[in-house]
Amino acid sequence: MNTPTAFHFLLKQVREEHGMTQVDAAKHMKIARQTYLDLEYGKTRPRLDTLITLSTLFNKNISYFTGERPSLDSFDVGLWLKRTPMPN
């Protein structure tokens, strides 16, 4: 996972994009306001259930919050070329 700084920046950004206050977000997540503030200020790291709730609330993949990006490291170009029909 990225640093808490990156997570809390993304959390604040997506909350503001949805026009929510911190209190609104906490209420939607059914958590205490202070718990939400701790997440957004980077004082605590989110648990998996929290990431799932955030993902649902803001209609984002969990990977948006964790900073994970797809990688081509394991992509086999040779195998892909063998399976891809060549144009006539």
PDB file of N, CA and C in Angstrom:
ATOM      1  N   MET A   1       0.849  -1.182   0.000  1.00  0.00           N
ATOM      2  CA  MET A   1       0.000   0.000   0.000  1.00  0.00           C
ATOM      3  C   MET A   1       0.887   1.234   0.000  1.00  0.00           C
ATOM      4  N   ASN A   2       0.373   2.280  -0.583  1.00  0.00           N
ATOM      5  CA  ASN A   2       1.098   3.551  -0.570  1.00  0.00           C
ATOM      6  C   ASN A   2       1.206   4.070   0.857  1.00  0.00           C
ATOM      7  N   THR A   3       1.945   5.131   1.008  1.00  0.00           N
ATOM      8  CA  THR A   3       2.077   5.746   2.321  1.00  0.00           C
ATOM      9  C   THR A   3       0.722   6.286   2.759  1.00  0.00           C
ATOM     10  N   PRO A   4       0.502   6.409   4.068  1.00  0.00           N
ATOM     11  CA  PRO A   4      -0.756   6.998   4.521  1.00  0.00           C
ATOM     12  C   PRO A   4      -0.992   8.377   3.911  1.00  0.00           C
ATOM     13  N   THR A   5       0.092   9.104   3.631  1.00  0.00           N
ATOM     14  CA  THR A   5      -0.047  10.428   3.038  1.00  0.00           C
ATOM     15  C   THR A   5      -0.762  10.348   1.697  1.00  0.00           C
ATOM     16  N   ALA A   6      -0.361   9.403   0.852  1.00  0.00           N
ATOM     17  CA  ALA A   6      -1.006   9.252  -0.454  1.00  0.00           C
ATOM     18  C   ALA A   6      -2.459   8.844  -0.283  1.00  0.00           C
ATOM     19  N   PHE A   7      -2.720   7.916   0.637  1.00  0.00           N
ATOM     20  CA  PHE A   7      -4.094   7.480   0.878  1.00  0.00           C
ATOM     21  C   PHE A   7      -4.953   8.642   1.345  1.00  0.00           C
ATOM     22  N   HIS A   8      -4.481   9.378   2.329  1.00  0.00           N
ATOM     23  CA  HIS A   8      -5.347  10.432   2.862  1.00  0.00           C
ATOM     24  C   HIS A   8      -5.555  11.555   1.848  1.00  0.00           C
ATOM     25  N   PHE A   9      -4.579  11.790   0.992  1.00  0.00           N
ATOM     26  CA  PHE A   9      -4.764  12.778  -0.070  1.00  0.00           C
ATOM     27  C   PHE A   9      -5.875  12.325  -1.022  1.00  0.00           C
ATOM     28  N   LEU A  10      -5.835  11.059  -1.419  1.00  0.00           N
ATOM     29  CA  LEU A  10      -6.864  10.523  -2.318  1.00  0.00           C
ATOM     30  C   LEU A  10      -8.235  10.532  -1.660  1.00  0.00           C
ATOM     31  N   LEU A  11      -8.282  10.180  -0.384  1.00  0.00           N
ATOM     32  CA  LEU A  11      -9.550  10.153   0.338  1.00  0.00           C
ATOM     33  C   LEU A  11     -10.173  11.547   0.388  1.00  0.00           C
ATOM     34  N   LYS A  12      -9.385  12.529   0.722  1.00  0.00           N
ATOM     35  CA  LYS A  12      -9.895  13.903   0.769  1.00  0.00           C
ATOM     36  C   LYS A  12     -10.346  14.354  -0.615  1.00  0.00           C
ATOM     37  N   GLN A  13      -9.552  14.049  -1.621  1.00  0.00           N
ATOM     38  CA  GLN A  13      -9.872  14.456  -2.990  1.00  0.00           C
ATOM     39  C   GLN A  13     -11.199  13.857  -3.459  1.00  0.00           C
ATOM     40  N   VAL A  14     -11.380  12.560  -3.267  1.00  0.00           N
ATOM     41  CA  VAL A  14     -12.601  11.911  -3.750  1.00  0.00           C
ATOM     42  C   VAL A  14     -13.816  12.370  -2.936  1.00  0.00           C
ATOM     43  N   ARG A  15     -13.621  12.615  -1.645  1.00  0.00           N
ATOM     44  CA  ARG A  15     -14.727  13.123  -0.821  1.00  0.00           C
ATOM     45  C   ARG A  15     -15.183  14.483  -1.333  1.00  0.00           C
ATOM     46  N   GLU A  16     -14.223  15.362  -1.612  1.00  0.00           N
ATOM     47  CA  GLU A  16     -14.563  16.695  -2.111  1.00  0.00           C
ATOM     48  C   GLU A  16     -15.192  16.629  -3.498  1.00  0.00           C
ATOM     49  N   GLU A  17     -14.725  15.700  -4.342  1.00  0.00           N
ATOM     50  CA  GLU A  17     -15.322  15.530  -5.672  1.00  0.00           C
ATOM     51  C   GLU A  17     -16.791  15.136  -5.575  1.00  0.00           C
ATOM     52  N   HIS A  18     -17.141  14.431  -4.505  1.00  0.00           N
ATOM     53  CA  HIS A  18     -18.527  14.012  -4.299  1.00  0.00           C
ATOM     54  C   HIS A  18     -19.332  15.044  -3.502  1.00  0.00           C
ATOM     55  N   GLY A  19     -18.718  16.179  -3.211  1.00  0.00           N
ATOM     56  CA  GLY A  19     -19.421  17.259  -2.515  1.00  0.00           C
ATOM     57  C   GLY A  19     -19.798  16.923  -1.087  1.00  0.00           C
ATOM     58  N   MET A  20     -19.020  16.078  -0.447  1.00  0.00           N
ATOM     59  CA  MET A  20     -19.320  15.666   0.926  1.00  0.00           C
ATOM     60  C   MET A  20     -18.402  16.373   1.914  1.00  0.00           C
ATOM     61  N   THR A  21     -18.934  16.603   3.082  1.00  0.00           N
ATOM     62  CA  THR A  21     -18.101  17.054   4.191  1.00  0.00           C
ATOM     63  C   THR A  21     -17.528  15.816   4.873  1.00  0.00           C
ATOM     64  N   GLN A  22     -16.606  16.034   5.779  1.00  0.00           N
ATOM     65  CA  GLN A  22     -16.067  14.911   6.545  1.00  0.00           C
ATOM     66  C   GLN A  22     -17.162  14.266   7.387  1.00  0.00           C
ATOM     67  N   VAL A  23     -18.048  15.073   7.918  1.00  0.00           N
ATOM     68  CA  VAL A  23     -19.166  14.558   8.714  1.00  0.00           C
ATOM     69  C   VAL A  23     -20.081  13.706   7.836  1.00  0.00           C
ATOM     70  N   ASP A  24     -20.382  14.184   6.619  1.00  0.00           N
ATOM     71  CA  ASP A  24     -21.216  13.407   5.693  1.00  0.00           C
ATOM     72  C   ASP A  24     -20.597  12.040   5.422  1.00  0.00           C
ATOM     73  N   ALA A  25     -19.309  12.036   5.114  1.00  0.00           N
ATOM     74  CA  ALA A  25     -18.622  10.781   4.793  1.00  0.00           C
ATOM     75  C   ALA A  25     -18.659   9.829   5.984  1.00  0.00           C
ATOM     76  N   ALA A  26     -18.402  10.340   7.167  1.00  0.00           N
ATOM     77  CA  ALA A  26     -18.435   9.498   8.369  1.00  0.00           C
ATOM     78  C   ALA A  26     -19.822   8.907   8.581  1.00  0.00           C
ATOM     79  N   LYS A  27     -20.860   9.711   8.385  1.00  0.00           N
ATOM     80  CA  LYS A  27     -22.232   9.214   8.550  1.00  0.00           C
ATOM     81  C   LYS A  27     -22.550   8.128   7.535  1.00  0.00           C
ATOM     82  N   HIS A  28     -22.176   8.342   6.283  1.00  0.00           N
ATOM     83  CA  HIS A  28     -22.428   7.336   5.248  1.00  0.00           C
ATOM     84  C   HIS A  28     -21.686   6.031   5.542  1.00  0.00           C
ATOM     85  N   MET A  29     -20.509   6.153   6.139  1.00  0.00           N
ATOM     86  CA  MET A  29     -19.706   4.971   6.457  1.00  0.00           C
ATOM     87  C   MET A  29     -20.113   4.337   7.784  1.00  0.00           C
ATOM     88  N   LYS A  30     -20.979   5.036   8.524  1.00  0.00           N
ATOM     89  CA  LYS A  30     -21.428   4.580   9.842  1.00  0.00           C
ATOM     90  C   LYS A  30     -20.247   4.415  10.815  1.00  0.00           C
ATOM     91  N   ILE A  31     -19.384   5.430  10.798  1.00  0.00           N
ATOM     92  CA  ILE A  31     -18.259   5.467  11.732  1.00  0.00           C
ATOM     93  C   ILE A  31     -18.259   6.823  12.427  1.00  0.00           C
ATOM     94  N   ALA A  32     -17.528   6.911  13.508  1.00  0.00           N
ATOM     95  CA  ALA A  32     -17.419   8.179  14.235  1.00  0.00           C
ATOM     96  C   ALA A  32     -16.669   9.200  13.383  1.00  0.00           C
ATOM     97  N   ARG A  33     -17.030  10.445  13.555  1.00  0.00           N
ATOM     98  CA  ARG A  33     -16.371  11.522  12.819  1.00  0.00           C
ATOM     99  C   ARG A  33     -14.863  11.489  13.051  1.00  0.00           C
ATOM    100  N   GLN A  34     -14.454  11.276  14.298  1.00  0.00           N
ATOM    101  CA  GLN A  34     -13.025  11.254  14.618  1.00  0.00           C
ATOM    102  C   GLN A  34     -12.309  10.102  13.909  1.00  0.00           C
ATOM    103  N   THR A  35     -12.977   8.976  13.781  1.00  0.00           N
ATOM    104  CA  THR A  35     -12.390   7.836  13.066  1.00  0.00           C
ATOM    105  C   THR A  35     -12.151   8.206  11.614  1.00  0.00           C
ATOM    106  N   TYR A  36     -13.130   8.885  11.018  1.00  0.00           N
ATOM    107  CA  TYR A  36     -12.959   9.325   9.633  1.00  0.00           C
ATOM    108  C   TYR A  36     -11.812  10.336   9.529  1.00  0.00           C
ATOM    109  N   LEU A  37     -11.776  11.279  10.451  1.00  0.00           N
ATOM    110  CA  LEU A  37     -10.707  12.284  10.436  1.00  0.00           C
ATOM    111  C   LEU A  37      -9.334  11.628  10.539  1.00  0.00           C
ATOM    112  N   ASP A  38      -9.222  10.620  11.385  1.00  0.00           N
ATOM    113  CA  ASP A  38      -7.945   9.913  11.522  1.00  0.00           C
ATOM    114  C   ASP A  38      -7.523   9.278  10.201  1.00  0.00           C
ATOM    115  N   LEU A  39      -8.481   8.762   9.449  1.00  0.00           N
ATOM    116  CA  LEU A  39      -8.173   8.195   8.131  1.00  0.00           C
ATOM    117  C   LEU A  39      -7.720   9.286   7.169  1.00  0.00           C
ATOM    118  N   GLU A  40      -8.485  10.364   7.122  1.00  0.00           N
ATOM    119  CA  GLU A  40      -8.189  11.416   6.146  1.00  0.00           C
ATOM    120  C   GLU A  40      -6.909  12.181   6.476  1.00  0.00           C
ATOM    121  N   TYR A  41      -6.573  12.276   7.744  1.00  0.00           N
ATOM    122  CA  TYR A  41      -5.350  12.984   8.134  1.00  0.00           C
ATOM    123  C   TYR A  41      -4.133  12.067   8.196  1.00  0.00           C
ATOM    124  N   GLY A  42      -4.322  10.795   7.856  1.00  0.00           N
ATOM    125  CA  GLY A  42      -3.204   9.864   7.815  1.00  0.00           C
ATOM    126  C   GLY A  42      -2.747   9.360   9.170  1.00  0.00           C
ATOM    127  N   LYS A  43      -3.578   9.517  10.197  1.00  0.00           N
ATOM    128  CA  LYS A  43      -3.202   9.037  11.531  1.00  0.00           C
ATOM    129  C   LYS A  43      -3.378   7.529  11.658  1.00  0.00           C
ATOM    130  N   THR A  44      -4.314   6.975  10.888  1.00  0.00           N
ATOM    131  CA  THR A  44      -4.525   5.528  10.881  1.00  0.00           C
ATOM    132  C   THR A  44      -4.600   5.050   9.441  1.00  0.00           C
ATOM    133  N   ARG A  45      -4.315   3.768   9.272  1.00  0.00           N
ATOM    134  CA  ARG A  45      -4.415   3.151   7.954  1.00  0.00           C
ATOM    135  C   ARG A  45      -5.734   2.387   7.898  1.00  0.00           C
ATOM    136  N   PRO A  46      -6.361   2.348   6.742  1.00  0.00           N
ATOM    137  CA  PRO A  46      -7.664   1.689   6.648  1.00  0.00           C
ATOM    138  C   PRO A  46      -7.554   0.168   6.681  1.00  0.00           C
ATOM    139  N   ARG A  47      -8.541  -0.456   7.317  1.00  0.00           N
ATOM    140  CA  ARG A  47      -8.654  -1.910   7.275  1.00  0.00           C
ATOM    141  C   ARG A  47      -9.353  -2.283   5.972  1.00  0.00           C
ATOM    142  N   LEU A  48      -9.362  -3.563   5.655  1.00  0.00           N
ATOM    143  CA  LEU A  48      -9.980  -4.025   4.420  1.00  0.00           C
ATOM    144  C   LEU A  48     -11.459  -3.664   4.372  1.00  0.00           C
ATOM    145  N   ASP A  49     -12.175  -3.855   5.474  1.00  0.00           N
ATOM    146  CA  ASP A  49     -13.602  -3.528   5.465  1.00  0.00           C
ATOM    147  C   ASP A  49     -13.828  -2.033   5.235  1.00  0.00           C
ATOM    148  N   THR A  50     -12.926  -1.213   5.719  1.00  0.00           N
ATOM    149  CA  THR A  50     -13.022   0.229   5.482  1.00  0.00           C
ATOM    150  C   THR A  50     -12.778   0.548   4.015  1.00  0.00           C
ATOM    151  N   LEU A  51     -11.794  -0.110   3.410  1.00  0.00           N
ATOM    152  CA  LEU A  51     -11.533   0.095   1.979  1.00  0.00           C
ATOM    153  C   LEU A  51     -12.733  -0.321   1.132  1.00  0.00           C
ATOM    154  N   ILE A  52     -13.375  -1.411   1.520  1.00  0.00           N
ATOM    155  CA  ILE A  52     -14.565  -1.868   0.791  1.00  0.00           C
ATOM    156  C   ILE A  52     -15.678  -0.838   0.915  1.00  0.00           C
ATOM    157  N   THR A  53     -15.874  -0.315   2.110  1.00  0.00           N
ATOM    158  CA  THR A  53     -16.907   0.705   2.324  1.00  0.00           C
ATOM    159  C   THR A  53     -16.610   1.961   1.512  1.00  0.00           C
ATOM    160  N   LEU A  54     -15.363   2.408   1.524  1.00  0.00           N
ATOM    161  CA  LEU A  54     -14.979   3.592   0.744  1.00  0.00           C
ATOM    162  C   LEU A  54     -15.175   3.348  -0.747  1.00  0.00           C
ATOM    163  N   SER A  55     -14.808   2.171  -1.185  1.00  0.00           N
ATOM    164  CA  SER A  55     -14.951   1.803  -2.589  1.00  0.00           C
ATOM    165  C   SER A  55     -16.409   1.878  -3.025  1.00  0.00           C
ATOM    166  N   THR A  56     -17.289   1.371  -2.190  1.00  0.00           N
ATOM    167  CA  THR A  56     -18.723   1.398  -2.485  1.00  0.00           C
ATOM    168  C   THR A  56     -19.272   2.819  -2.421  1.00  0.00           C
ATOM    169  N   LEU A  57     -18.919   3.536  -1.382  1.00  0.00           N
ATOM    170  CA  LEU A  57     -19.427   4.895  -1.187  1.00  0.00           C
ATOM    171  C   LEU A  57     -19.050   5.824  -2.332  1.00  0.00           C
ATOM    172  N   PHE A  58     -17.796   5.749  -2.768  1.00  0.00           N
ATOM    173  CA  PHE A  58     -17.312   6.680  -3.780  1.00  0.00           C
ATOM    174  C   PHE A  58     -17.232   6.078  -5.182  1.00  0.00           C
ATOM    175  N   ASN A  59     -17.738   4.850  -5.329  1.00  0.00           N
ATOM    176  CA  ASN A  59     -17.768   4.180  -6.632  1.00  0.00           C
ATOM    177  C   ASN A  59     -16.373   4.123  -7.271  1.00  0.00           C
ATOM    178  N   LYS A  60     -15.416   3.671  -6.485  1.00  0.00           N
ATOM    179  CA  LYS A  60     -14.026   3.530  -6.934  1.00  0.00           C
ATOM    180  C   LYS A  60     -13.555   2.114  -6.617  1.00  0.00           C
ATOM    181  N   ASN A  61     -12.605   1.615  -7.396  1.00  0.00           N
ATOM    182  CA  ASN A  61     -11.972   0.342  -7.064  1.00  0.00           C
ATOM    183  C   ASN A  61     -11.137   0.506  -5.811  1.00  0.00           C
ATOM    184  N   ILE A  62     -10.975  -0.581  -5.083  1.00  0.00           N
ATOM    185  CA  ILE A  62     -10.098  -0.540  -3.913  1.00  0.00           C
ATOM    186  C   ILE A  62      -8.695  -0.123  -4.334  1.00  0.00           C
ATOM    187  N   SER A  63      -8.286  -0.546  -5.517  1.00  0.00           N
ATOM    188  CA  SER A  63      -6.941  -0.203  -5.999  1.00  0.00           C
ATOM    189  C   SER A  63      -6.746   1.306  -6.138  1.00  0.00           C
ATOM    190  N   TYR A  64      -7.827   2.055  -6.309  1.00  0.00           N
ATOM    191  CA  TYR A  64      -7.728   3.516  -6.360  1.00  0.00           C
ATOM    192  C   TYR A  64      -7.140   4.041  -5.046  1.00  0.00           C
ATOM    193  N   PHE A  65      -7.601   3.472  -3.942  1.00  0.00           N
ATOM    194  CA  PHE A  65      -7.161   3.930  -2.626  1.00  0.00           C
ATOM    195  C   PHE A  65      -5.827   3.327  -2.205  1.00  0.00           C
ATOM    196  N   THR A  66      -5.515   2.139  -2.694  1.00  0.00           N
ATOM    197  CA  THR A  66      -4.271   1.482  -2.289  1.00  0.00           C
ATOM    198  C   THR A  66      -3.102   1.866  -3.174  1.00  0.00           C
ATOM    199  N   GLY A  67      -3.397   2.473  -4.314  1.00  0.00           N
ATOM    200  CA  GLY A  67      -2.335   2.894  -5.209  1.00  0.00           C
ATOM    201  C   GLY A  67      -1.794   1.789  -6.083  1.00  0.00           C
ATOM    202  N   GLU A  68      -2.440   0.630  -6.060  1.00  0.00           N
ATOM    203  CA  GLU A  68      -1.985  -0.478  -6.897  1.00  0.00           C
ATOM    204  C   GLU A  68      -2.373  -0.211  -8.340  1.00  0.00           C
ATOM    205  N   ARG A  69      -1.443  -0.476  -9.217  1.00  0.00           N
ATOM    206  CA  ARG A  69      -1.687  -0.283 -10.644  1.00  0.00           C
ATOM    207  C   ARG A  69      -1.349  -1.574 -11.369  1.00  0.00           C
ATOM    208  N   PRO A  70      -2.061  -1.868 -12.451  1.00  0.00           N
ATOM    209  CA  PRO A  70      -1.739  -3.082 -13.212  1.00  0.00           C
ATOM    210  C   PRO A  70      -0.300  -3.036 -13.713  1.00  0.00           C
ATOM    211  N   SER A  71       0.301  -4.197 -13.791  1.00  0.00           N
ATOM    212  CA  SER A  71       1.683  -4.290 -14.235  1.00  0.00           C
ATOM    213  C   SER A  71       1.780  -5.219 -15.432  1.00  0.00           C
ATOM    214  N   LEU A  72       2.682  -4.901 -16.331  1.00  0.00           N
ATOM    215  CA  LEU A  72       2.925  -5.762 -17.478  1.00  0.00           C
ATOM    216  C   LEU A  72       4.100  -6.696 -17.231  1.00  0.00           C
ATOM    217  N   ASP A  73       4.638  -6.722 -16.024  1.00  0.00           N
ATOM    218  CA  ASP A  73       5.803  -7.552 -15.726  1.00  0.00           C
ATOM    219  C   ASP A  73       5.570  -9.021 -16.042  1.00  0.00           C
ATOM    220  N   SER A  74       4.365  -9.513 -15.765  1.00  0.00           N
ATOM    221  CA  SER A  74       4.093 -10.927 -15.990  1.00  0.00           C
ATOM    222  C   SER A  74       3.420 -11.174 -17.334  1.00  0.00           C
ATOM    223  N   PHE A  75       3.291 -10.157 -18.149  1.00  0.00           N
ATOM    224  CA  PHE A  75       2.635 -10.285 -19.448  1.00  0.00           C
ATOM    225  C   PHE A  75       3.595 -10.929 -20.436  1.00  0.00           C
ATOM    226  N   ASP A  76       3.157 -12.019 -21.069  1.00  0.00           N
ATOM    227  CA  ASP A  76       3.985 -12.760 -22.021  1.00  0.00           C
ATOM    228  C   ASP A  76       3.635 -12.311 -23.436  1.00  0.00           C
ATOM    229  N   VAL A  77       4.437 -11.431 -23.997  1.00  0.00           N
ATOM    230  CA  VAL A  77       4.179 -10.889 -25.332  1.00  0.00           C
ATOM    231  C   VAL A  77       4.225 -11.996 -26.378  1.00  0.00           C
ATOM    232  N   GLY A  78       5.184 -12.909 -26.257  1.00  0.00           N
ATOM    233  CA  GLY A  78       5.297 -14.007 -27.216  1.00  0.00           C
ATOM    234  C   GLY A  78       4.045 -14.856 -27.258  1.00  0.00           C
ATOM    235  N   LEU A  79       3.513 -15.198 -26.103  1.00  0.00           N
ATOM    236  CA  LEU A  79       2.283 -15.984 -26.039  1.00  0.00           C
ATOM    237  C   LEU A  79       1.121 -15.206 -26.634  1.00  0.00           C
ATOM    238  N   TRP A  80       1.048 -13.932 -26.346  1.00  0.00           N
ATOM    239  CA  TRP A  80      -0.026 -13.098 -26.897  1.00  0.00           C
ATOM    240  C   TRP A  80       0.050 -13.061 -28.420  1.00  0.00           C
ATOM    241  N   LEU A  81       1.251 -12.923 -28.962  1.00  0.00           N
ATOM    242  CA  LEU A  81       1.417 -12.882 -30.417  1.00  0.00           C
ATOM    243  C   LEU A  81       1.017 -14.203 -31.066  1.00  0.00           C
ATOM    244  N   LYS A  82       1.312 -15.318 -30.403  1.00  0.00           N
ATOM    245  CA  LYS A  82       0.933 -16.629 -30.941  1.00  0.00           C
ATOM    246  C   LYS A  82      -0.581 -16.785 -31.008  1.00  0.00           C
ATOM    247  N   ARG A  83      -1.289 -16.213 -30.044  1.00  0.00           N
ATOM    248  CA  ARG A  83      -2.743 -16.366 -29.964  1.00  0.00           C
ATOM    249  C   ARG A  83      -3.505 -15.320 -30.766  1.00  0.00           C
ATOM    250  N   THR A  84      -2.850 -14.281 -31.179  1.00  0.00           N
ATOM    251  CA  THR A  84      -3.514 -13.198 -31.901  1.00  0.00           C
ATOM    252  C   THR A  84      -3.437 -13.458 -33.400  1.00  0.00           C
ATOM    253  N   PRO A  85      -4.602 -13.574 -34.063  1.00  0.00           N
ATOM    254  CA  PRO A  85      -4.572 -13.814 -35.510  1.00  0.00           C
ATOM    255  C   PRO A  85      -4.006 -12.608 -36.252  1.00  0.00           C
ATOM    256  N   MET A  86      -3.234 -12.898 -37.263  1.00  0.00           N
ATOM    257  CA  MET A  86      -2.650 -11.842 -38.087  1.00  0.00           C
ATOM    258  C   MET A  86      -3.677 -11.406 -39.133  1.00  0.00           C
ATOM    259  N   PRO A  87      -3.748 -10.111 -39.428  1.00  0.00           N
ATOM    260  CA  PRO A  87      -4.699  -9.643 -40.442  1.00  0.00           C
ATOM    261  C   PRO A  87      -4.297 -10.160 -41.823  1.00  0.00           C
ATOM    262  N   ASN A  88      -5.288 -10.395 -42.665  1.00  0.00           N
ATOM    263  CA  ASN A  88      -5.025 -10.895 -44.034  1.00  0.00           C
ATOM    264  C   ASN A  88      -4.529  -9.819 -44.936  1.00  0.00           C
TER     265      ASN A  88
END
